[in-house]
Amino acid sequence: MKTAGKRSDGKGWKKVLIHIGLSGIVLTTVLPFIWMVLASFKPMSEIENLNPVPSRWHPENYPAVFEQIRFARYYVNSFFVACWVTFLQLMTSAMAAYSFSRIEWRGRDAVFKLYLATMMIPGVVTMIPNYALMVKMGLLDSYAGLIIPAAFSAFGTFLLRQFMLGIPTALDEAAKIDGASHWQIFWNVCMPMARPGLITLGVFTFLYNYQSFFWPLIMIKSDHLRTLPVGMLYFDGAYGKQTNVLMAASLMCIAPLIILFVAAQKFIVKGIQMGGVKG
C-alpha cells in the first residue's frame, strides 16, 4: 500500500511539473501578443517604459492608422492575393497529387522524389530567378507577379498525395466501370474525400501568403498595389518611428488570421493526423 501511495504521489508531482512547464511555454508565447495589445493603446513616450499598462489609454492610435496609410486598400490587396494564391495552390497541388497517387506512369516515383527535393531549396535562392522571370514576362508591379510564382507547392502536393493514397482504389475501379473519366474520378471521388487535407493546406497557404513580406517588397512599386506587411513600413521609416501606431496596425492585421485559425483548428489537427500516417 505504501509503495502504491509513493507511486501515485510521484505521478502527481510529474503532472504538476508538466503543467508548470507547459504553462511557462504558453506564457512565453502569449506575452509578446499581450505587449502588442497594450502598446497599441500607449502614447509613443511610454512605449519603452517597464510598466506594461498605459497610464492613459489612447484608442486614437487606431484611427491614426487609417489617416496615415491606405490601410483598407492594403488589406484588400493582401486578402485578394492570398485568396487567389490559396485557390490556385489547392487546384495545382490536388491535380499533381492525383497524378502521383492514382495514375500509373513510367518514372512516377522518381519524378515525385525530385519534386520533393525542391522543398530543400531555400526561398531566397529562387527569389532572384523568379524576379528575373517576372520582369521578362512583364509582370513586375502587378497582382499576377505576386500570385503566379506562389501558385505551386511541393509541400501541398505531398500533403494531398498522402490523403489520396489512403482512398481505396476500389472506388476508382467502380467509377471507371460506370464510365467515369480521370477528371470525374478526381473531382467527384478524390476531392470530397480529401477535404480535411484541402482545408489544412488552404489555411496554411492563406496564412503564409497573407503575411508575406519579401516577395511583395521587391515586386511592387505602386502604392495602390502594396500589401499590408509592406504598407506598414511607413510607421518605421523615413517619417519617424511610430511603434504605438504600428502595433495598432499589426493587431488589426493579424485579427483575421487568429479568427481563421481558431475556426479551422479541428480541421487542421485532423488533416495533419490523417495526412501523416499514410505511406
C-alpha atoms as a PDB file:
ATOM      1  CA  MET A   1       0.000   0.000   0.000  1.00  0.00           C
ATOM      2  CA  LYS A   2       2.820   2.373   0.853  1.00  0.00           C
ATOM      3  CA  THR A   3       4.565   1.591  -2.427  1.00  0.00           C
ATOM      4  CA  ALA A   4       1.374   2.265  -4.373  1.00  0.00           C
ATOM      5  CA  GLY A   5       0.965   5.552  -2.493  1.00  0.00           C
ATOM      6  CA  LYS A   6       4.505   6.609  -3.302  1.00  0.00           C
ATOM      7  CA  ARG A   7       3.991   5.796  -6.971  1.00  0.00           C
ATOM      8  CA  SER A   8       0.772   7.789  -7.128  1.00  0.00           C
ATOM      9  CA  ASP A   9       2.486  10.726  -5.395  1.00  0.00           C
ATOM     10  CA  GLY A  10       5.335  10.517  -7.909  1.00  0.00           C
ATOM     11  CA  LYS A  11       2.899  10.578 -10.809  1.00  0.00           C
ATOM     12  CA  GLY A  12       1.095  13.509  -9.225  1.00  0.00           C
ATOM     13  CA  TRP A  13       4.300  15.544  -8.952  1.00  0.00           C
ATOM     14  CA  LYS A  14       5.177  14.689 -12.543  1.00  0.00           C
ATOM     15  CA  LYS A  15       1.825  16.010 -13.717  1.00  0.00           C
ATOM     16  CA  VAL A  16       2.302  19.188 -11.687  1.00  0.00           C
ATOM     17  CA  LEU A  17       5.776  19.768 -13.171  1.00  0.00           C
ATOM     18  CA  ILE A  18       4.479  19.080 -16.690  1.00  0.00           C
ATOM     19  CA  HIS A  19       1.647  21.580 -16.223  1.00  0.00           C
ATOM     20  CA  ILE A  20       4.052  24.183 -14.838  1.00  0.00           C
ATOM     21  CA  GLY A  21       6.375  23.680 -17.795  1.00  0.00           C
ATOM     22  CA  LEU A  22       3.525  23.899 -20.317  1.00  0.00           C
ATOM     23  CA  SER A  23       2.154  26.997 -18.591  1.00  0.00           C
ATOM     24  CA  GLY A  24       5.587  28.627 -18.833  1.00  0.00           C
ATOM     25  CA  ILE A  25       5.748  27.857 -22.556  1.00  0.00           C
ATOM     26  CA  VAL A  26       2.238  29.258 -23.111  1.00  0.00           C
ATOM     27  CA  LEU A  27       3.075  32.393 -21.116  1.00  0.00           C
ATOM     28  CA  THR A  28       6.271  32.922 -23.113  1.00  0.00           C
ATOM     29  CA  THR A  29       4.290  32.605 -26.335  1.00  0.00           C
ATOM     30  CA  VAL A  30       1.428  34.868 -25.278  1.00  0.00           C
ATOM     31  CA  LEU A  31       3.469  37.657 -23.613  1.00  0.00           C
ATOM     32  CA  PRO A  32       4.583  39.333 -26.894  1.00  0.00           C
ATOM     33  CA  PHE A  33       0.967  39.393 -28.071  1.00  0.00           C
ATOM     34  CA  ILE A  34      -0.195  40.936 -24.770  1.00  0.00           C
ATOM     35  CA  TRP A  35       2.573  43.546 -25.024  1.00  0.00           C
ATOM     36  CA  MET A  36       1.480  44.368 -28.576  1.00  0.00           C
ATOM     37  CA  VAL A  37      -2.140  44.870 -27.490  1.00  0.00           C
ATOM     38  CA  LEU A  38      -1.158  47.143 -24.586  1.00  0.00           C
ATOM     39  CA  ALA A  39       1.389  49.057 -26.680  1.00  0.00           C
ATOM     40  CA  SER A  40      -1.275  49.797 -29.283  1.00  0.00           C
ATOM     41  CA  PHE A  41      -3.083  51.931 -26.644  1.00  0.00           C
ATOM     42  CA  LYS A  42       0.014  53.777 -25.363  1.00  0.00           C
ATOM     43  CA  PRO A  43       1.419  57.161 -26.374  1.00  0.00           C
ATOM     44  CA  MET A  44       4.810  56.984 -28.061  1.00  0.00           C
ATOM     45  CA  SER A  45       6.504  58.408 -24.944  1.00  0.00           C
ATOM     46  CA  GLU A  46       5.504  55.345 -22.876  1.00  0.00           C
ATOM     47  CA  ILE A  47       6.405  52.590 -25.335  1.00  0.00           C
ATOM     48  CA  GLU A  48       9.765  51.827 -23.718  1.00  0.00           C
ATOM     49  CA  ASN A  49       8.508  52.065 -20.135  1.00  0.00           C
ATOM     50  CA  LEU A  50       8.815  48.973 -17.971  1.00  0.00           C
ATOM     51  CA  ASN A  51       5.195  49.325 -16.880  1.00  0.00           C
ATOM     52  CA  PRO A  52       3.210  47.369 -19.496  1.00  0.00           C
ATOM     53  CA  VAL A  53      -0.114  49.079 -18.699  1.00  0.00           C
ATOM     54  CA  PRO A  54      -0.503  52.562 -20.222  1.00  0.00           C
ATOM     55  CA  SER A  55      -1.018  55.428 -17.777  1.00  0.00           C
ATOM     56  CA  ARG A  56      -3.766  56.733 -20.061  1.00  0.00           C
ATOM     57  CA  TRP A  57      -5.398  54.718 -22.817  1.00  0.00           C
ATOM     58  CA  HIS A  58      -5.087  56.128 -26.349  1.00  0.00           C
ATOM     59  CA  PRO A  59      -7.637  54.455 -28.653  1.00  0.00           C
ATOM     60  CA  GLU A  60      -6.936  57.214 -31.173  1.00  0.00           C
ATOM     61  CA  ASN A  61      -3.926  55.153 -32.319  1.00  0.00           C
ATOM     62  CA  TYR A  62      -6.344  53.028 -34.340  1.00  0.00           C
ATOM     63  CA  PRO A  63      -7.951  55.853 -36.359  1.00  0.00           C
ATOM     64  CA  ALA A  64      -4.423  57.214 -36.874  1.00  0.00           C
ATOM     65  CA  VAL A  65      -3.580  54.059 -38.856  1.00  0.00           C
ATOM     66  CA  PHE A  66      -6.232  54.889 -41.461  1.00  0.00           C
ATOM     67  CA  GLU A  67      -5.211  58.549 -41.516  1.00  0.00           C
ATOM     68  CA  GLN A  68      -1.530  57.894 -42.228  1.00  0.00           C
ATOM     69  CA  ILE A  69      -1.653  54.947 -44.644  1.00  0.00           C
ATOM     70  CA  ARG A  70      -4.190  53.429 -47.050  1.00  0.00           C
ATOM     71  CA  PHE A  71      -4.826  50.595 -44.607  1.00  0.00           C
ATOM     72  CA  ALA A  72      -8.132  49.464 -46.141  1.00  0.00           C
ATOM     73  CA  ARG A  73      -6.562  49.316 -49.620  1.00  0.00           C
ATOM     74  CA  TYR A  74      -3.547  47.372 -48.378  1.00  0.00           C
ATOM     75  CA  TYR A  75      -5.855  44.996 -46.513  1.00  0.00           C
ATOM     76  CA  VAL A  76      -7.898  44.314 -49.657  1.00  0.00           C
ATOM     77  CA  ASN A  77      -4.687  43.716 -51.629  1.00  0.00           C
ATOM     78  CA  SER A  78      -3.377  41.213 -49.073  1.00  0.00           C
ATOM     79  CA  PHE A  79      -6.718  39.418 -48.895  1.00  0.00           C
ATOM     80  CA  PHE A  80      -7.098  39.348 -52.692  1.00  0.00           C
ATOM     81  CA  VAL A  81      -3.610  37.961 -53.331  1.00  0.00           C
ATOM     82  CA  ALA A  82      -3.828  35.411 -50.507  1.00  0.00           C
ATOM     83  CA  CYS A  83      -7.220  34.129 -51.715  1.00  0.00           C
ATOM     84  CA  TRP A  84      -6.040  33.701 -55.304  1.00  0.00           C
ATOM     85  CA  VAL A  85      -2.806  32.001 -54.292  1.00  0.00           C
ATOM     86  CA  THR A  86      -4.739  29.667 -51.984  1.00  0.00           C
ATOM     87  CA  PHE A  87      -7.236  28.733 -54.701  1.00  0.00           C
ATOM     88  CA  LEU A  88      -4.579  28.127 -57.358  1.00  0.00           C
ATOM     89  CA  GLN A  89      -2.312  26.212 -54.982  1.00  0.00           C
ATOM     90  CA  LEU A  90      -5.166  23.948 -53.908  1.00  0.00           C
ATOM     91  CA  MET A  91      -6.036  23.168 -57.523  1.00  0.00           C
ATOM     92  CA  THR A  92      -2.487  22.616 -58.792  1.00  0.00           C
ATOM     93  CA  SER A  93      -1.456  20.615 -55.717  1.00  0.00           C
ATOM     94  CA  ALA A  94      -4.586  18.460 -55.849  1.00  0.00           C
ATOM     95  CA  MET A  95      -4.148  17.676 -59.561  1.00  0.00           C
ATOM     96  CA  ALA A  96      -0.445  16.862 -59.101  1.00  0.00           C
ATOM     97  CA  ALA A  97      -1.273  14.730 -56.032  1.00  0.00           C
ATOM     98  CA  TYR A  98      -3.880  12.802 -58.048  1.00  0.00           C
ATOM     99  CA  SER A  99      -1.345  12.127 -60.777  1.00  0.00           C
ATOM    100  CA  PHE A 100       1.311  10.961 -58.305  1.00  0.00           C
ATOM    101  CA  SER A 101      -1.064   8.750 -56.301  1.00  0.00           C
ATOM    102  CA  ARG A 102      -3.824   7.414 -58.580  1.00  0.00           C
ATOM    103  CA  ILE A 103      -2.309   7.193 -62.071  1.00  0.00           C
ATOM    104  CA  GLU A 104       0.399   4.692 -63.027  1.00  0.00           C
ATOM    105  CA  TRP A 105       3.034   6.087 -65.385  1.00  0.00           C
ATOM    106  CA  ARG A 106       6.709   5.403 -66.010  1.00  0.00           C
ATOM    107  CA  GLY A 107       9.088   7.244 -63.692  1.00  0.00           C
ATOM    108  CA  ARG A 108       6.297   8.487 -61.441  1.00  0.00           C
ATOM    109  CA  ASP A 109       8.030   7.817 -58.119  1.00  0.00           C
ATOM    110  CA  ALA A 110      11.369   9.202 -59.360  1.00  0.00           C
ATOM    111  CA  VAL A 111       9.706  12.422 -60.540  1.00  0.00           C
ATOM    112  CA  PHE A 112       7.866  12.726 -57.230  1.00  0.00           C
ATOM    113  CA  LYS A 113      11.114  12.385 -55.250  1.00  0.00           C
ATOM    114  CA  LEU A 114      12.722  15.006 -57.475  1.00  0.00           C
ATOM    115  CA  TYR A 115       9.727  17.266 -56.922  1.00  0.00           C
ATOM    116  CA  LEU A 116      10.006  16.814 -53.162  1.00  0.00           C
ATOM    117  CA  ALA A 117      13.714  17.673 -53.329  1.00  0.00           C
ATOM    118  CA  THR A 118      12.747  21.226 -54.313  1.00  0.00           C
ATOM    119  CA  MET A 119      11.480  21.684 -50.740  1.00  0.00           C
ATOM    120  CA  MET A 120      15.110  21.619 -49.604  1.00  0.00           C
ATOM    121  CA  ILE A 121      15.924  24.732 -51.653  1.00  0.00           C
ATOM    122  CA  PRO A 122      15.611  27.958 -49.607  1.00  0.00           C
ATOM    123  CA  GLY A 123      13.180  30.515 -50.956  1.00  0.00           C
ATOM    124  CA  VAL A 124      15.939  33.143 -51.045  1.00  0.00           C
ATOM    125  CA  VAL A 125      17.778  31.084 -53.673  1.00  0.00           C
ATOM    126  CA  THR A 126      14.818  31.043 -56.064  1.00  0.00           C
ATOM    127  CA  MET A 127      13.785  34.641 -55.420  1.00  0.00           C
ATOM    128  CA  ILE A 128      16.213  36.215 -57.922  1.00  0.00           C
ATOM    129  CA  PRO A 129      15.399  33.771 -60.787  1.00  0.00           C
ATOM    130  CA  ASN A 130      11.675  34.251 -60.138  1.00  0.00           C
ATOM    131  CA  TYR A 131      12.123  38.018 -60.151  1.00  0.00           C
ATOM    132  CA  ALA A 132      14.042  37.916 -63.437  1.00  0.00           C
ATOM    133  CA  LEU A 133      11.336  35.699 -64.935  1.00  0.00           C
ATOM    134  CA  MET A 134       8.582  38.081 -63.844  1.00  0.00           C
ATOM    135  CA  VAL A 135      10.470  41.016 -65.383  1.00  0.00           C
ATOM    136  CA  LYS A 136      10.819  39.182 -68.716  1.00  0.00           C
ATOM    137  CA  MET A 137       7.119  38.303 -68.672  1.00  0.00           C
ATOM    138  CA  GLY A 138       6.201  41.927 -67.964  1.00  0.00           C
ATOM    139  CA  LEU A 139       4.525  41.062 -64.644  1.00  0.00           C
ATOM    140  CA  LEU A 140       6.560  43.367 -62.426  1.00  0.00           C
ATOM    141  CA  ASP A 141       4.414  45.629 -60.228  1.00  0.00           C
ATOM    142  CA  SER A 142       1.211  43.629 -60.800  1.00  0.00           C
ATOM    143  CA  TYR A 143      -1.115  41.255 -58.992  1.00  0.00           C
ATOM    144  CA  ALA A 144      -0.141  38.464 -61.378  1.00  0.00           C
ATOM    145  CA  GLY A 145       3.504  38.859 -60.391  1.00  0.00           C
ATOM    146  CA  LEU A 146       2.559  38.271 -56.756  1.00  0.00           C
ATOM    147  CA  ILE A 147       0.230  35.357 -57.443  1.00  0.00           C
ATOM    148  CA  ILE A 148       1.723  33.177 -60.204  1.00  0.00           C
ATOM    149  CA  PRO A 149       5.086  32.230 -58.570  1.00  0.00           C
ATOM    150  CA  ALA A 150       3.265  31.155 -55.393  1.00  0.00           C
ATOM    151  CA  ALA A 151       0.582  29.121 -57.202  1.00  0.00           C
ATOM    152  CA  PHE A 152       2.545  25.845 -56.995  1.00  0.00           C
ATOM    153  CA  SER A 153       3.647  23.990 -53.881  1.00  0.00           C
ATOM    154  CA  ALA A 154       5.680  20.806 -53.407  1.00  0.00           C
ATOM    155  CA  PHE A 155       4.523  20.638 -49.788  1.00  0.00           C
ATOM    156  CA  GLY A 156       0.886  20.904 -50.842  1.00  0.00           C
ATOM    157  CA  THR A 157       1.359  18.137 -53.396  1.00  0.00           C
ATOM    158  CA  PHE A 158       2.991  15.918 -50.778  1.00  0.00           C
ATOM    159  CA  LEU A 159       0.246  16.547 -48.201  1.00  0.00           C
ATOM    160  CA  LEU A 160      -2.640  15.852 -50.593  1.00  0.00           C
ATOM    161  CA  ARG A 161      -0.874  12.819 -52.082  1.00  0.00           C
ATOM    162  CA  GLN A 162      -0.780  11.286 -48.611  1.00  0.00           C
ATOM    163  CA  PHE A 163      -4.537  11.709 -48.369  1.00  0.00           C
ATOM    164  CA  MET A 164      -5.248  10.293 -51.798  1.00  0.00           C
ATOM    165  CA  LEU A 165      -3.091   7.253 -51.120  1.00  0.00           C
ATOM    166  CA  GLY A 166      -5.484   6.411 -48.309  1.00  0.00           C
ATOM    167  CA  ILE A 167      -8.563   6.454 -50.575  1.00  0.00           C
ATOM    168  CA  PRO A 168      -9.488   2.866 -51.587  1.00  0.00           C
ATOM    169  CA  THR A 169      -8.642   2.137 -55.224  1.00  0.00           C
ATOM    170  CA  ALA A 170     -11.881   0.150 -55.439  1.00  0.00           C
ATOM    171  CA  LEU A 171     -13.705   3.471 -55.705  1.00  0.00           C
ATOM    172  CA  ASP A 172     -11.685   4.353 -58.807  1.00  0.00           C
ATOM    173  CA  GLU A 173     -12.412   0.978 -60.370  1.00  0.00           C
ATOM    174  CA  ALA A 174     -16.126   1.270 -59.652  1.00  0.00           C
ATOM    175  CA  ALA A 175     -16.187   4.765 -61.174  1.00  0.00           C
ATOM    176  CA  LYS A 176     -14.330   3.559 -64.288  1.00  0.00           C
ATOM    177  CA  ILE A 177     -16.870   0.740 -64.743  1.00  0.00           C
ATOM    178  CA  ASP A 178     -19.598   3.394 -64.694  1.00  0.00           C
ATOM    179  CA  GLY A 179     -17.713   5.245 -67.449  1.00  0.00           C
ATOM    180  CA  ALA A 180     -16.113   7.997 -65.366  1.00  0.00           C
ATOM    181  CA  SER A 181     -13.057   9.791 -66.737  1.00  0.00           C
ATOM    182  CA  HIS A 182      -9.955  10.663 -64.735  1.00  0.00           C
ATOM    183  CA  TRP A 183     -11.281  14.182 -64.249  1.00  0.00           C
ATOM    184  CA  GLN A 184     -14.614  12.876 -62.920  1.00  0.00           C
ATOM    185  CA  ILE A 185     -12.834  10.499 -60.537  1.00  0.00           C
ATOM    186  CA  PHE A 186     -10.588  13.334 -59.389  1.00  0.00           C
ATOM    187  CA  TRP A 187     -13.395  15.847 -58.871  1.00  0.00           C
ATOM    188  CA  ASN A 188     -16.219  13.611 -57.607  1.00  0.00           C
ATOM    189  CA  VAL A 189     -14.307  10.936 -55.678  1.00  0.00           C
ATOM    190  CA  CYS A 190     -10.879  12.128 -54.539  1.00  0.00           C
ATOM    191  CA  MET A 191     -11.577  15.796 -53.844  1.00  0.00           C
ATOM    192  CA  PRO A 192     -14.520  15.246 -51.429  1.00  0.00           C
ATOM    193  CA  MET A 193     -12.638  12.519 -49.531  1.00  0.00           C
ATOM    194  CA  ALA A 194      -9.518  14.695 -49.253  1.00  0.00           C
ATOM    195  CA  ARG A 195     -11.474  17.611 -47.755  1.00  0.00           C
ATOM    196  CA  PRO A 196      -9.569  17.682 -44.401  1.00  0.00           C
ATOM    197  CA  GLY A 197      -6.277  17.895 -46.284  1.00  0.00           C
ATOM    198  CA  LEU A 198      -7.612  20.610 -48.581  1.00  0.00           C
ATOM    199  CA  ILE A 199      -8.794  22.691 -45.620  1.00  0.00           C
ATOM    200  CA  THR A 200      -5.459  22.234 -43.829  1.00  0.00           C
ATOM    201  CA  LEU A 201      -3.450  23.211 -46.897  1.00  0.00           C
ATOM    202  CA  GLY A 202      -5.793  26.117 -47.605  1.00  0.00           C
ATOM    203  CA  VAL A 203      -5.392  27.572 -44.103  1.00  0.00           C
ATOM    204  CA  PHE A 204      -1.587  27.223 -44.139  1.00  0.00           C
ATOM    205  CA  THR A 205      -1.342  28.719 -47.626  1.00  0.00           C
ATOM    206  CA  PHE A 206      -3.602  31.656 -46.795  1.00  0.00           C
ATOM    207  CA  LEU A 207      -1.771  32.440 -43.541  1.00  0.00           C
ATOM    208  CA  TYR A 208       1.642  32.342 -45.230  1.00  0.00           C
ATOM    209  CA  ASN A 209       0.716  34.485 -48.220  1.00  0.00           C
ATOM    210  CA  TYR A 210      -1.406  36.982 -46.276  1.00  0.00           C
ATOM    211  CA  GLN A 211       1.646  37.927 -44.209  1.00  0.00           C
ATOM    212  CA  SER A 212       4.235  37.526 -46.978  1.00  0.00           C
ATOM    213  CA  PHE A 213       6.751  40.384 -46.922  1.00  0.00           C
ATOM    214  CA  PHE A 214       9.904  39.945 -49.030  1.00  0.00           C
ATOM    215  CA  TRP A 215       8.290  38.979 -52.342  1.00  0.00           C
ATOM    216  CA  PRO A 216       5.771  41.871 -52.360  1.00  0.00           C
ATOM    217  CA  LEU A 217       8.556  44.209 -51.217  1.00  0.00           C
ATOM    218  CA  ILE A 218      10.681  43.568 -54.314  1.00  0.00           C
ATOM    219  CA  MET A 219       7.804  43.089 -56.772  1.00  0.00           C
ATOM    220  CA  ILE A 220       5.534  46.046 -56.002  1.00  0.00           C
ATOM    221  CA  LYS A 221       6.445  49.684 -56.597  1.00  0.00           C
ATOM    222  CA  SER A 222       2.987  51.293 -56.879  1.00  0.00           C
ATOM    223  CA  ASP A 223       1.327  52.375 -53.656  1.00  0.00           C
ATOM    224  CA  HIS A 224      -2.135  51.111 -54.664  1.00  0.00           C
ATOM    225  CA  LEU A 225      -0.771  47.555 -55.084  1.00  0.00           C
ATOM    226  CA  ARG A 226       1.062  47.283 -51.772  1.00  0.00           C
ATOM    227  CA  THR A 227       0.103  44.603 -49.286  1.00  0.00           C
ATOM    228  CA  LEU A 228      -0.269  45.136 -45.534  1.00  0.00           C
ATOM    229  CA  PRO A 229       3.201  43.975 -44.388  1.00  0.00           C
ATOM    230  CA  VAL A 230       4.868  46.312 -46.901  1.00  0.00           C
ATOM    231  CA  GLY A 231       2.491  49.213 -46.302  1.00  0.00           C
ATOM    232  CA  MET A 232       3.124  49.162 -42.562  1.00  0.00           C
ATOM    233  CA  LEU A 233       6.799  50.002 -43.152  1.00  0.00           C
ATOM    234  CA  TYR A 234       5.579  53.607 -43.208  1.00  0.00           C
ATOM    235  CA  PHE A 235       5.380  53.593 -39.412  1.00  0.00           C
ATOM    236  CA  ASP A 236       9.062  52.707 -39.029  1.00  0.00           C
ATOM    237  CA  GLY A 237      10.636  54.518 -41.958  1.00  0.00           C
ATOM    238  CA  ALA A 238      11.762  57.922 -43.090  1.00  0.00           C
ATOM    239  CA  TYR A 239       8.855  59.626 -41.327  1.00  0.00           C
ATOM    240  CA  GLY A 240       9.941  58.544 -37.863  1.00  0.00           C
ATOM    241  CA  LYS A 241       9.366  55.571 -35.630  1.00  0.00           C
ATOM    242  CA  GLN A 242       5.728  55.222 -34.558  1.00  0.00           C
ATOM    243  CA  THR A 243       5.722  51.959 -32.638  1.00  0.00           C
ATOM    244  CA  ASN A 244       2.362  52.568 -30.959  1.00  0.00           C
ATOM    245  CA  VAL A 245       0.549  53.108 -34.266  1.00  0.00           C
ATOM    246  CA  LEU A 246       2.453  50.188 -35.816  1.00  0.00           C
ATOM    247  CA  MET A 247       1.228  47.908 -33.023  1.00  0.00           C
ATOM    248  CA  ALA A 248      -2.351  49.047 -33.614  1.00  0.00           C
ATOM    249  CA  ALA A 249      -1.980  48.296 -37.333  1.00  0.00           C
ATOM    250  CA  SER A 250      -0.373  44.927 -36.593  1.00  0.00           C
ATOM    251  CA  LEU A 251      -3.207  43.932 -34.278  1.00  0.00           C
ATOM    252  CA  MET A 252      -5.798  44.746 -36.935  1.00  0.00           C
ATOM    253  CA  CYS A 253      -3.675  42.885 -39.478  1.00  0.00           C
ATOM    254  CA  ILE A 254      -3.457  39.619 -37.548  1.00  0.00           C
ATOM    255  CA  ALA A 255      -7.000  39.607 -36.120  1.00  0.00           C
ATOM    256  CA  PRO A 256      -8.478  37.854 -39.217  1.00  0.00           C
ATOM    257  CA  LEU A 257      -5.697  35.254 -39.069  1.00  0.00           C
ATOM    258  CA  ILE A 258      -6.468  34.410 -35.443  1.00  0.00           C
ATOM    259  CA  ILE A 259     -10.180  34.038 -36.239  1.00  0.00           C
ATOM    260  CA  LEU A 260      -9.401  31.827 -39.255  1.00  0.00           C
ATOM    261  CA  PHE A 261      -7.013  29.612 -37.319  1.00  0.00           C
ATOM    262  CA  VAL A 262      -9.411  29.150 -34.385  1.00  0.00           C
ATOM    263  CA  ALA A 263     -12.324  28.373 -36.722  1.00  0.00           C
ATOM    264  CA  ALA A 264     -10.340  25.772 -38.693  1.00  0.00           C
ATOM    265  CA  GLN A 265      -8.345  24.326 -35.790  1.00  0.00           C
ATOM    266  CA  LYS A 266     -10.106  20.953 -35.668  1.00  0.00           C
ATOM    267  CA  PHE A 267      -9.714  20.503 -39.425  1.00  0.00           C
ATOM    268  CA  ILE A 268      -6.007  21.340 -39.209  1.00  0.00           C
ATOM    269  CA  VAL A 269      -5.403  18.759 -36.464  1.00  0.00           C
ATOM    270  CA  LYS A 270      -7.403  16.133 -38.315  1.00  0.00           C
ATOM    271  CA  GLY A 271      -5.707  16.945 -41.601  1.00  0.00           C
ATOM    272  CA  ILE A 272      -2.189  16.662 -40.207  1.00  0.00           C
ATOM    273  CA  GLN A 273      -3.004  13.414 -38.390  1.00  0.00           C
ATOM    274  CA  MET A 274      -4.595  11.753 -41.400  1.00  0.00           C
ATOM    275  CA  GLY A 275      -2.029  13.036 -43.894  1.00  0.00           C
ATOM    276  CA  GLY A 276       0.970  11.998 -41.817  1.00  0.00           C
ATOM    277  CA  VAL A 277       0.216   8.317 -41.379  1.00  0.00           C
ATOM    278  CA  LYS A 278      -0.270   7.263 -44.995  1.00  0.00           C
ATOM    279  CA  GLY A 279       2.652   5.582 -46.760  1.00  0.00           C
END
